[in-house]
């Protein structure tokens, strides 16, 4: 054995103990350090000829990199859609690395049992029947890719064709439509061979949700012989808006299109009893995607894709040279995703859902939405800002209380630069209905009122500083 490997094997306990102590220190400091410290850069490391050994690499990382890690898993990081990590999810993730399973999903295996149970937990949270089958994948883009590839197989079959066996050459392109769909779906459509042309339907005035009357008109006027894939949004990225899923599902029953529900983060709202009526017909969807590393608060990376078309999923992603036409209850999981090698991503999700249950996740969703509404109320009561959206989920979109011609992307980003320097919180710029805006997304299980108040005050102070300099 190579001497340094042998030495590290003998020291493995102390190496892991140091990692554990660093983890505790990181968690303890997370609420005190700058939320986004801004990495200053460093000379690129060179690969050593003989290697340094784990302890020296730990020391190097602890000195040069660990102090600059953003506290994106903390309670005041409000940028993008970044969830935290529950204690149970972190434990599950450590076990995932410890046991280092390639989660093929063979019948009778531990990893298959865990993944099947975790998928059932997700169905229970969202109120979906067992006809929804699926698998864990890496994130929103991959889950959307799986869903749209299944839809591709379905659309080709409408023309007596197998996209997985015969390809797409000479096959008429199905229509794809949505209201305001996320960029991940454009990327997924491109990877699935459709190209990025997704027909954008009109939105409701001042909102990011599709206008149902416009959708009805589109469905009635289009060429009915062409298959249609429709993407519905459960939480838009810029304002958290939600399409009228029940109305769309009713139209689907009439017109027979493939309905994909993009619930990357907003899908979890279906677990809250008082909001479930919004998702009454969610089970009519043909496919549904949801990230676990967002509102489920599981470590990166993870997502699930659920579909009522398991055979199409198997035909699209089978690893076999000559796959059969039908999947079965024993189909190996790696025949259902783009990956042959699969981390056991289901285990952290299994840990946290089993640990906190329906009631725990309903509480996280309720608290996060309540904290967004609090932030929205502070915006309304300020002479510095103007609220842009009705807070329908866990996103607040707002802008400056200035004349429109003064509000530019550069101005917004300068304010956010001041926020980052202050280190209390982190938020990001968005183009809300094509106008520059500020945005807050609260997805962390730990966020409480004190965090929101501190974050808002930092945002307002930063805005006033920049405005006083500029005007």
Protein backbone atom coordinates (compact mmCIF):
# COMPACT_ATOMS: atom_id res chain seq x y z
CA UNK A 1 0.00 0.00 0.00
CA UNK A 2 1.20 3.51 -0.80
CA UNK A 3 2.77 4.80 2.44
CA UNK A 4 0.59 7.92 2.78
CA UNK A 5 -2.56 5.86 2.22
CA UNK A 6 -1.40 3.40 4.86
CA UNK A 7 -0.70 6.23 7.30
CA UNK A 8 -4.15 7.75 6.69
CA UNK A 9 -5.79 4.38 7.21
CA UNK A 10 -4.11 4.14 10.60
CA UNK A 11 -5.14 7.73 11.43
CA UNK A 12 -8.67 7.49 10.01
CA UNK A 13 -10.35 7.91 13.40
CA UNK A 14 -8.49 11.14 14.18
CA UNK A 15 -9.09 12.45 10.63
CA UNK A 16 -12.84 11.93 11.02
CA UNK A 17 -12.77 13.34 14.55
CA UNK A 18 -11.19 16.54 13.20
CA UNK A 19 -13.85 16.73 10.51
CA UNK A 20 -16.55 16.31 13.18
CA UNK A 21 -15.03 19.10 15.31
CA UNK A 22 -14.84 21.39 12.28
CA UNK A 23 -18.49 20.63 11.55
CA UNK A 24 -19.54 21.59 15.06
CA UNK A 25 -17.52 24.80 14.87
CA UNK A 26 -19.03 25.68 11.50
CA UNK A 27 -22.58 25.16 12.76
CA UNK A 28 -21.89 27.16 15.92
CA UNK A 29 -20.52 30.15 13.99
CA UNK A 30 -23.11 30.10 11.22
CA UNK A 31 -25.39 32.63 12.90
CA UNK A 32 -22.51 35.02 13.68
CA UNK A 33 -20.37 35.03 10.53
CA UNK A 34 -21.08 36.99 7.38
CA UNK A 35 -23.81 35.26 5.42
CA UNK A 36 -21.93 35.79 2.13
CA UNK A 37 -18.32 36.73 2.96
CA UNK A 38 -17.15 36.92 -0.65
CA UNK A 39 -14.25 34.64 -1.51
CA UNK A 40 -11.16 36.82 -2.19
CA UNK A 41 -9.53 34.29 -4.51
CA UNK A 42 -6.36 32.27 -4.06
CA UNK A 43 -3.52 30.93 -6.19
CA UNK A 44 -4.44 27.65 -7.80
CA UNK A 45 -3.06 24.63 -5.96
CA UNK A 46 -0.68 22.34 -7.83
CA UNK A 47 -1.08 18.58 -7.69
CA UNK A 48 1.75 17.29 -5.44
CA UNK A 49 3.95 14.54 -6.77
CA UNK A 50 3.69 12.45 -3.60
CA UNK A 51 0.62 13.80 -1.83
CA UNK A 52 0.25 15.66 1.48
CA UNK A 53 -1.85 13.23 3.48
CA UNK A 54 -5.33 13.93 4.81
CA UNK A 55 -4.30 15.88 7.93
CA UNK A 56 -2.24 18.45 6.02
CA UNK A 57 -5.03 18.85 3.46
CA UNK A 58 -7.50 19.40 6.29
CA UNK A 59 -5.23 22.09 7.76
CA UNK A 60 -4.86 23.76 4.36
CA UNK A 61 -8.62 23.73 3.72
CA UNK A 62 -9.40 24.98 7.22
CA UNK A 63 -7.01 27.92 6.82
CA UNK A 64 -7.57 29.00 3.21
CA UNK A 65 -11.14 28.01 2.34
CA UNK A 66 -13.39 27.22 5.30
CA UNK A 67 -13.53 30.84 6.60
CA UNK A 68 -14.98 31.95 3.24
CA UNK A 69 -17.78 29.41 2.98
CA UNK A 70 -21.14 31.23 2.64
CA UNK A 71 -23.68 30.49 5.36
CA UNK A 72 -26.19 29.52 2.70
CA UNK A 73 -27.59 26.81 4.97
CA UNK A 74 -28.25 29.39 7.70
CA UNK A 75 -31.42 31.18 8.75
CA UNK A 76 -30.76 34.55 7.04
CA UNK A 77 -29.73 33.43 3.55
CA UNK A 78 -32.66 34.58 1.41
CA UNK A 79 -31.13 34.34 -2.07
CA UNK A 80 -32.19 32.04 -4.91
CA UNK A 81 -34.10 29.04 -3.47
CA UNK A 82 -31.58 27.60 -1.05
CA UNK A 83 -32.90 25.33 1.66
CA UNK A 84 -31.07 24.55 4.86
CA UNK A 85 -30.16 21.16 6.26
CA UNK A 86 -32.23 19.68 9.05
CA UNK A 87 -30.32 17.75 11.74
CA UNK A 88 -31.84 14.48 10.53
CA UNK A 89 -31.00 15.22 6.88
CA UNK A 90 -27.38 15.98 7.79
CA UNK A 91 -27.12 12.71 9.69
CA UNK A 92 -28.61 10.87 6.72
CA UNK A 93 -26.15 12.53 4.35
CA UNK A 94 -23.20 11.51 6.52
CA UNK A 95 -24.47 7.93 6.54
CA UNK A 96 -24.84 8.12 2.76
CA UNK A 97 -21.14 8.92 2.38
CA UNK A 98 -20.19 6.41 5.04
CA UNK A 99 -21.87 3.41 3.42
CA UNK A 100 -21.06 4.63 -0.12
CA UNK A 101 -23.69 2.60 -1.95
CA UNK A 102 -24.16 2.68 -5.70
CA UNK A 103 -27.96 2.87 -5.60
CA UNK A 104 -28.76 0.62 -8.55
CA UNK A 105 -32.07 -0.23 -6.92
CA UNK A 106 -31.87 -3.97 -7.33
CA UNK A 107 -34.88 -5.85 -5.90
CA UNK A 108 -34.17 -7.02 -2.37
CA UNK A 109 -31.41 -4.44 -1.77
CA UNK A 110 -31.18 -1.97 1.08
CA UNK A 111 -30.88 1.01 -1.26
CA UNK A 112 -34.06 0.03 -3.14
CA UNK A 113 -35.99 -0.28 0.12
CA UNK A 114 -34.84 3.17 1.26
CA UNK A 115 -35.62 4.82 -2.09
CA UNK A 116 -39.04 3.18 -2.40
CA UNK A 117 -39.96 4.25 1.12
CA UNK A 118 -38.71 7.81 0.53
CA UNK A 119 -40.78 8.05 -2.66
CA UNK A 120 -43.81 6.87 -0.70
CA UNK A 121 -43.13 9.54 1.93
CA UNK A 122 -43.10 12.18 -0.82
CA UNK A 123 -46.39 10.85 -2.22
CA UNK A 124 -47.86 11.00 1.28
CA UNK A 125 -46.69 14.60 1.74
CA UNK A 126 -48.18 15.69 -1.59
CA UNK A 127 -51.35 13.58 -1.37
CA UNK A 128 -50.53 11.56 -4.49
CA UNK A 129 -51.67 7.99 -5.22
CA UNK A 130 -49.35 5.03 -5.68
CA UNK A 131 -49.77 5.26 -9.47
CA UNK A 132 -47.04 7.93 -9.35
CA UNK A 133 -43.71 6.12 -9.62
CA UNK A 134 -40.26 7.59 -10.06
CA UNK A 135 -36.76 8.00 -8.74
CA UNK A 136 -34.30 10.36 -7.09
CA UNK A 137 -32.05 12.45 -9.34
CA UNK A 138 -29.65 15.38 -8.88
CA UNK A 139 -31.79 18.50 -9.20
CA UNK A 140 -34.43 20.52 -11.05
CA UNK A 141 -32.81 20.31 -14.48
CA UNK A 142 -32.28 16.55 -14.39
CA UNK A 143 -35.74 15.88 -13.01
CA UNK A 144 -37.28 18.12 -15.71
CA UNK A 145 -35.18 16.30 -18.31
CA UNK A 146 -36.53 12.95 -17.15
CA UNK A 147 -40.11 14.24 -17.15
CA UNK A 148 -39.86 15.81 -20.62
CA UNK A 149 -38.12 12.74 -22.03
CA UNK A 150 -41.03 10.63 -20.77
CA UNK A 151 -43.37 13.14 -22.42
CA UNK A 152 -41.32 12.80 -25.61
CA UNK A 153 -41.87 9.04 -25.56
CA UNK A 154 -45.60 9.59 -25.02
CA UNK A 155 -45.84 12.20 -27.80
CA UNK A 156 -44.00 9.98 -30.28
CA UNK A 157 -46.30 7.09 -29.43
CA UNK A 158 -49.27 9.24 -30.49
CA UNK A 159 -47.77 9.02 -33.99
CA UNK A 160 -47.00 5.30 -33.81
CA UNK A 161 -43.32 5.91 -33.14
CA UNK A 162 -40.82 5.04 -30.40
CA UNK A 163 -38.53 7.98 -29.71
CA UNK A 164 -36.19 5.84 -27.58
CA UNK A 165 -35.76 3.18 -30.28
CA UNK A 166 -36.05 5.15 -33.50
CA UNK A 167 -34.95 8.64 -32.47
CA UNK A 168 -36.68 11.86 -33.46
CA UNK A 169 -35.65 12.09 -37.11
CA UNK A 170 -38.59 12.87 -39.35
CA UNK A 171 -40.99 13.02 -36.42
CA UNK A 172 -43.19 16.14 -36.14
CA UNK A 173 -42.27 18.18 -33.11
CA UNK A 174 -44.92 18.27 -30.38
CA UNK A 175 -45.97 21.67 -29.07
CA UNK A 176 -44.69 22.75 -25.65
CA UNK A 177 -46.42 25.59 -23.82
CA UNK A 178 -46.38 27.25 -20.41
CA UNK A 179 -46.99 30.53 -18.68
CA UNK A 180 -43.69 31.65 -17.18
CA UNK A 181 -41.57 28.53 -16.96
CA UNK A 182 -38.17 28.25 -15.30
CA UNK A 183 -34.96 28.19 -17.35
CA UNK A 184 -34.36 24.60 -16.21
CA UNK A 185 -37.29 23.54 -18.39
CA UNK A 186 -35.82 25.28 -21.45
CA UNK A 187 -32.56 23.45 -20.83
CA UNK A 188 -34.38 20.17 -20.31
CA UNK A 189 -36.38 20.64 -23.52
CA UNK A 190 -33.13 21.28 -25.38
CA UNK A 191 -31.49 18.15 -23.96
CA UNK A 192 -34.57 16.09 -24.79
CA UNK A 193 -34.22 17.08 -28.44
CA UNK A 194 -37.19 19.45 -28.62
CA UNK A 195 -35.18 22.64 -28.79
CA UNK A 196 -35.84 25.61 -26.54
CA UNK A 197 -39.02 26.81 -28.21
CA UNK A 198 -41.61 26.83 -25.41
CA UNK A 199 -44.71 28.83 -26.32
CA UNK A 200 -45.20 31.48 -23.61
CA UNK A 201 -48.86 32.14 -22.88
CA UNK A 202 -50.15 35.45 -21.47
CA UNK A 203 -50.02 35.89 -17.71
CA UNK A 204 -52.61 37.32 -15.36
CA UNK A 205 -52.22 41.12 -14.98
CA UNK A 206 -49.41 41.96 -12.55
CA UNK A 207 -48.73 38.28 -11.84
CA UNK A 208 -46.55 35.39 -13.01
CA UNK A 209 -49.41 32.87 -13.18
CA UNK A 210 -50.87 31.86 -16.53
CA UNK A 211 -54.12 33.48 -17.68
CA UNK A 212 -56.53 30.52 -17.79
CA UNK A 213 -58.72 32.18 -20.42
CA UNK A 214 -55.65 32.63 -22.63
CA UNK A 215 -54.84 28.95 -22.13
CA UNK A 216 -58.41 27.98 -23.07
CA UNK A 217 -58.19 30.09 -26.24
CA UNK A 218 -54.84 28.54 -27.14
CA UNK A 219 -56.11 25.00 -26.62
CA UNK A 220 -59.23 25.61 -28.69
CA UNK A 221 -57.37 27.21 -31.60
CA UNK A 222 -54.32 24.95 -31.95
CA UNK A 223 -53.90 21.99 -34.30
CA UNK A 224 -55.42 19.17 -32.24
CA UNK A 225 -53.50 16.51 -34.18
CA UNK A 226 -50.20 17.71 -32.70
CA UNK A 227 -49.34 16.35 -29.24
CA UNK A 228 -49.01 19.03 -26.58
CA UNK A 229 -46.82 19.12 -23.48
CA UNK A 230 -47.95 21.75 -20.99
CA UNK A 231 -45.74 22.89 -18.08
CA UNK A 232 -47.60 24.22 -15.03
CA UNK A 233 -45.77 26.14 -12.32
CA UNK A 234 -46.01 25.50 -8.60
CA UNK A 235 -43.97 28.48 -7.46
CA UNK A 236 -42.27 30.76 -9.98
CA UNK A 237 -38.69 31.67 -9.16
CA UNK A 238 -39.16 35.45 -9.14
CA UNK A 239 -42.33 35.78 -7.06
CA UNK A 240 -43.43 32.30 -5.97
CA UNK A 241 -46.63 32.55 -7.99
CA UNK A 242 -48.70 29.41 -8.57
CA UNK A 243 -50.76 28.50 -11.61
CA UNK A 244 -54.39 27.48 -11.16
CA UNK A 245 -53.59 23.78 -11.20
CA UNK A 246 -57.17 22.66 -10.75
CA UNK A 247 -58.35 24.62 -13.80
CA UNK A 248 -55.42 23.35 -15.88
CA UNK A 249 -56.11 19.74 -14.82
CA UNK A 250 -59.76 20.10 -15.91
CA UNK A 251 -58.61 21.38 -19.32
CA UNK A 252 -56.21 18.46 -19.57
CA UNK A 253 -59.09 16.01 -19.20
CA UNK A 254 -60.83 17.72 -22.13
CA UNK A 255 -57.88 18.21 -24.48
CA UNK A 256 -55.66 15.26 -23.61
CA UNK A 257 -52.27 16.98 -23.32
CA UNK A 258 -49.33 15.86 -21.18
CA UNK A 259 -49.41 17.90 -17.98
CA UNK A 260 -46.07 18.42 -16.26
CA UNK A 261 -46.18 20.10 -12.83
CA UNK A 262 -42.96 21.92 -11.97
CA UNK A 263 -42.95 21.89 -8.19
CA UNK A 264 -39.19 22.39 -7.77
CA UNK A 265 -39.75 24.22 -4.51
CA UNK A 266 -43.44 25.19 -4.30
CA UNK A 267 -44.73 21.65 -4.59
CA UNK A 268 -44.16 21.08 -0.89
CA UNK A 269 -46.99 23.52 -0.11
CA UNK A 270 -49.37 20.66 -0.88
CA UNK A 271 -48.47 19.12 2.48
CA UNK A 272 -50.17 21.96 4.42
CA UNK A 273 -53.81 20.98 5.13
CA UNK A 274 -55.26 24.49 4.78
CA UNK A 275 -53.62 24.95 1.35
CA UNK A 276 -54.46 21.56 -0.10
CA UNK A 277 -57.49 22.76 -2.04
CA UNK A 278 -55.09 24.58 -4.41
CA UNK A 279 -53.65 21.15 -5.26
CA UNK A 280 -56.89 19.15 -5.29
CA UNK A 281 -56.31 17.88 -8.85
CA UNK A 282 -52.52 17.56 -8.68
CA UNK A 283 -52.94 13.81 -9.16
CA UNK A 284 -54.13 14.55 -12.72
CA UNK A 285 -50.59 15.54 -13.70
CA UNK A 286 -48.63 13.14 -15.89
CA UNK A 287 -45.32 14.10 -14.29
CA UNK A 288 -44.21 16.12 -11.30
CA UNK A 289 -40.80 17.26 -10.13
CA UNK A 290 -39.60 18.56 -6.76
CA UNK A 291 -36.13 19.32 -5.45
CA UNK A 292 -35.24 17.87 -2.07
CA UNK A 293 -32.39 20.38 -1.55
CA UNK A 294 -34.87 23.26 -1.55
CA UNK A 295 -37.88 23.34 0.77
CA UNK A 296 -37.40 19.79 2.01
CA UNK A 297 -34.12 21.07 3.54
CA UNK A 298 -31.94 18.14 2.46
CA UNK A 299 -28.24 18.64 1.54
CA UNK A 300 -27.25 19.23 -2.06
CA UNK A 301 -27.88 17.61 -4.36
CA UNK A 302 -31.26 15.94 -4.70
CA UNK A 303 -34.59 15.96 -6.50
CA UNK A 304 -37.40 13.57 -7.27
CA UNK A 305 -39.32 12.95 -10.47
CA UNK A 306 -42.69 11.26 -10.26
CA UNK A 307 -44.70 10.13 -13.26
CA UNK A 308 -47.83 8.13 -14.00
CA UNK A 309 -46.06 6.73 -17.07
CA UNK A 310 -43.51 4.29 -15.69
CA UNK A 311 -43.32 2.33 -18.95
CA UNK A 312 -42.37 5.45 -20.92
CA UNK A 313 -39.77 6.28 -18.28
CA UNK A 314 -38.30 2.78 -18.50
CA UNK A 315 -38.28 2.83 -22.31
CA UNK A 316 -36.49 6.20 -22.27
CA UNK A 317 -33.80 5.40 -19.72
CA UNK A 318 -33.31 1.66 -19.71
CA UNK A 319 -29.67 0.61 -19.46
CA UNK A 320 -30.43 -2.63 -21.30
CA UNK A 321 -29.37 -3.25 -24.88
CA UNK A 322 -32.84 -4.42 -25.88
CA UNK A 323 -35.31 -3.16 -23.26
CA UNK A 324 -38.76 -4.66 -23.17
CA UNK A 325 -41.80 -2.45 -23.70
CA UNK A 326 -43.01 -2.59 -20.09
CA UNK A 327 -41.55 -1.87 -16.69
CA UNK A 328 -42.52 -3.91 -13.64
CA UNK A 329 -42.55 -3.50 -9.89
CA UNK A 330 -39.05 -5.00 -9.91
CA UNK A 331 -37.52 -2.64 -12.51
CA UNK A 332 -34.09 -1.55 -11.30
CA UNK A 333 -33.93 2.14 -10.44
CA UNK A 334 -30.98 2.92 -12.68
CA UNK A 335 -33.22 1.99 -15.63
CA UNK A 336 -35.39 5.01 -14.75
CA UNK A 337 -32.87 7.89 -14.76
CA UNK A 338 -29.98 9.15 -16.92
CA UNK A 339 -27.48 7.85 -14.37
CA UNK A 340 -25.92 4.42 -14.21
CA UNK A 341 -23.92 5.27 -11.10
CA UNK A 342 -26.26 6.72 -8.48
CA UNK A 343 -25.50 8.12 -5.03
CA UNK A 344 -28.08 7.04 -2.46
CA UNK A 345 -29.66 10.50 -2.50
CA UNK A 346 -32.85 9.08 -1.06
CA UNK A 347 -31.26 8.40 2.35
CA UNK A 348 -31.02 12.01 3.65
CA UNK A 349 -34.58 12.62 2.43
CA UNK A 350 -35.73 9.38 4.08
CA UNK A 351 -34.09 10.45 7.36
CA UNK A 352 -35.66 13.90 7.49
CA UNK A 353 -39.18 12.94 6.37
CA UNK A 354 -39.25 10.04 8.82
CA UNK A 355 -37.89 12.31 11.57
CA UNK A 356 -40.36 15.19 11.18
CA UNK A 357 -43.34 13.75 9.33
CA UNK A 358 -46.24 15.58 7.71
CA UNK A 359 -46.74 17.86 10.69
CA UNK A 360 -43.10 18.93 10.78
CA UNK A 361 -42.98 19.84 7.11
CA UNK A 362 -46.33 21.60 7.24
CA UNK A 363 -44.88 23.68 10.09
CA UNK A 364 -41.77 24.59 8.07
CA UNK A 365 -43.90 25.70 5.12
CA UNK A 366 -46.31 27.69 7.29
CA UNK A 367 -43.51 29.47 9.15
CA UNK A 368 -41.57 30.31 5.99
CA UNK A 369 -44.65 31.75 4.29
CA UNK A 370 -45.55 33.68 7.45
CA UNK A 371 -42.03 35.12 7.55
CA UNK A 372 -42.33 36.20 3.92
CA UNK A 373 -45.62 37.89 4.69
CA UNK A 374 -43.94 39.68 7.59
CA UNK A 375 -41.19 40.87 5.25
CA UNK A 376 -43.89 41.97 2.79
CA UNK A 377 -45.68 43.97 5.50
CA UNK A 378 -42.44 45.75 6.39
CA UNK A 379 -42.01 46.60 2.69
CA UNK A 380 -45.54 48.01 2.58
CA UNK A 381 -44.87 50.19 5.63
CA UNK A 382 -41.60 51.57 4.27
CA UNK A 383 -41.12 54.78 2.31
CA UNK A 384 -38.00 53.18 0.76
CA UNK A 385 -39.55 50.21 -1.05
CA UNK A 386 -42.61 49.15 -3.00
CA UNK A 387 -44.06 45.63 -2.89
CA UNK A 388 -44.55 44.03 -6.32
CA UNK A 389 -46.28 40.74 -5.58
CA UNK A 390 -48.98 39.45 -3.33
CA UNK A 391 -47.10 37.00 -1.11
CA UNK A 392 -48.67 33.69 -2.12
CA UNK A 393 -45.84 31.42 -1.05
CA UNK A 394 -42.30 31.88 0.23
CA UNK A 395 -41.05 34.64 -2.12
CA UNK A 396 -41.23 38.44 -1.84
CA UNK A 397 -40.56 40.61 -4.90
CA UNK A 398 -40.14 44.34 -4.37
CA UNK A 399 -38.51 47.41 -5.80
CA UNK A 400 -37.41 50.88 -4.79
CA UNK A 401 -39.87 53.66 -4.13
CA UNK A 402 -38.40 55.77 -6.93
CA UNK A 403 -39.61 56.85 -10.33
CA UNK A 404 -39.30 53.90 -12.77
CA UNK A 405 -36.59 55.49 -14.92
CA UNK A 406 -34.26 55.65 -11.90
CA UNK A 407 -34.60 51.96 -11.05
CA UNK A 408 -31.95 50.08 -13.00
CA UNK A 409 -30.31 46.70 -12.74
CA UNK A 410 -27.04 48.39 -11.78
CA UNK A 411 -28.75 50.29 -8.95
CA UNK A 412 -30.35 47.11 -7.59
CA UNK A 413 -27.06 45.23 -7.76
CA UNK A 414 -25.19 48.05 -6.03
CA UNK A 415 -27.64 47.82 -3.15
CA UNK A 416 -27.20 44.06 -2.98
CA UNK A 417 -23.43 44.59 -2.91
CA UNK A 418 -23.88 46.71 0.22
CA UNK A 419 -26.10 44.03 1.73
CA UNK A 420 -23.42 41.45 1.09
CA UNK A 421 -20.72 43.63 2.66
CA UNK A 422 -22.86 44.12 5.77
CA UNK A 423 -23.06 40.33 6.06
CA UNK A 424 -26.41 40.14 7.88
CA UNK A 425 -28.32 38.54 5.01
CA UNK A 426 -28.18 37.71 1.32
CA UNK A 427 -30.75 38.36 -1.40
CA UNK A 428 -30.63 38.59 -5.16
CA UNK A 429 -31.71 40.57 -8.20
CA UNK A 430 -34.56 39.39 -10.43
CA UNK A 431 -36.29 40.80 -13.50
CA UNK A 432 -39.88 40.81 -12.21
CA UNK A 433 -42.21 41.12 -15.20
CA UNK A 434 -39.20 42.49 -17.12
CA UNK A 435 -38.47 45.23 -14.58
CA UNK A 436 -35.50 45.32 -12.16
CA UNK A 437 -36.45 44.06 -8.72
CA UNK A 438 -35.16 42.79 -5.40
CA UNK A 439 -36.20 39.37 -4.17
CA UNK A 440 -36.30 37.45 -0.92
CA UNK A 441 -36.95 33.71 -0.71
CA UNK A 442 -37.30 32.05 2.70
CA UNK A 443 -36.86 28.29 2.56
CA UNK A 444 -34.84 27.50 5.69
CA UNK A 445 -36.30 25.44 8.52
CA UNK A 446 -34.61 27.66 11.14
CA UNK A 447 -35.74 31.13 9.99
CA UNK A 448 -37.61 33.03 12.69
CA UNK A 449 -38.99 36.54 13.12
CA UNK A 450 -35.72 37.97 14.49
CA UNK A 451 -33.89 36.79 11.37
CA UNK A 452 -36.43 38.46 9.09
CA UNK A 453 -36.38 41.75 10.97
CA UNK A 454 -32.57 41.86 10.99
CA UNK A 455 -32.44 41.00 7.29
CA UNK A 456 -35.02 43.64 6.37
CA UNK A 457 -33.24 46.35 8.36
CA UNK A 458 -29.97 45.54 6.63
CA UNK A 459 -31.69 45.72 3.23
CA UNK A 460 -33.28 49.06 4.02
CA UNK A 461 -30.08 50.57 5.43
CA UNK A 462 -28.14 49.44 2.36
CA UNK A 463 -30.77 50.87 0.02
CA UNK A 464 -30.77 54.22 1.78
CA UNK A 465 -26.98 54.40 1.64
CA UNK A 466 -26.88 53.76 -2.11
CA UNK A 467 -29.80 56.10 -2.87
CA UNK A 468 -28.19 58.91 -0.88
CA UNK A 469 -24.97 58.46 -2.88
CA UNK A 470 -26.71 58.25 -6.22
CA UNK A 471 -29.42 60.92 -6.01
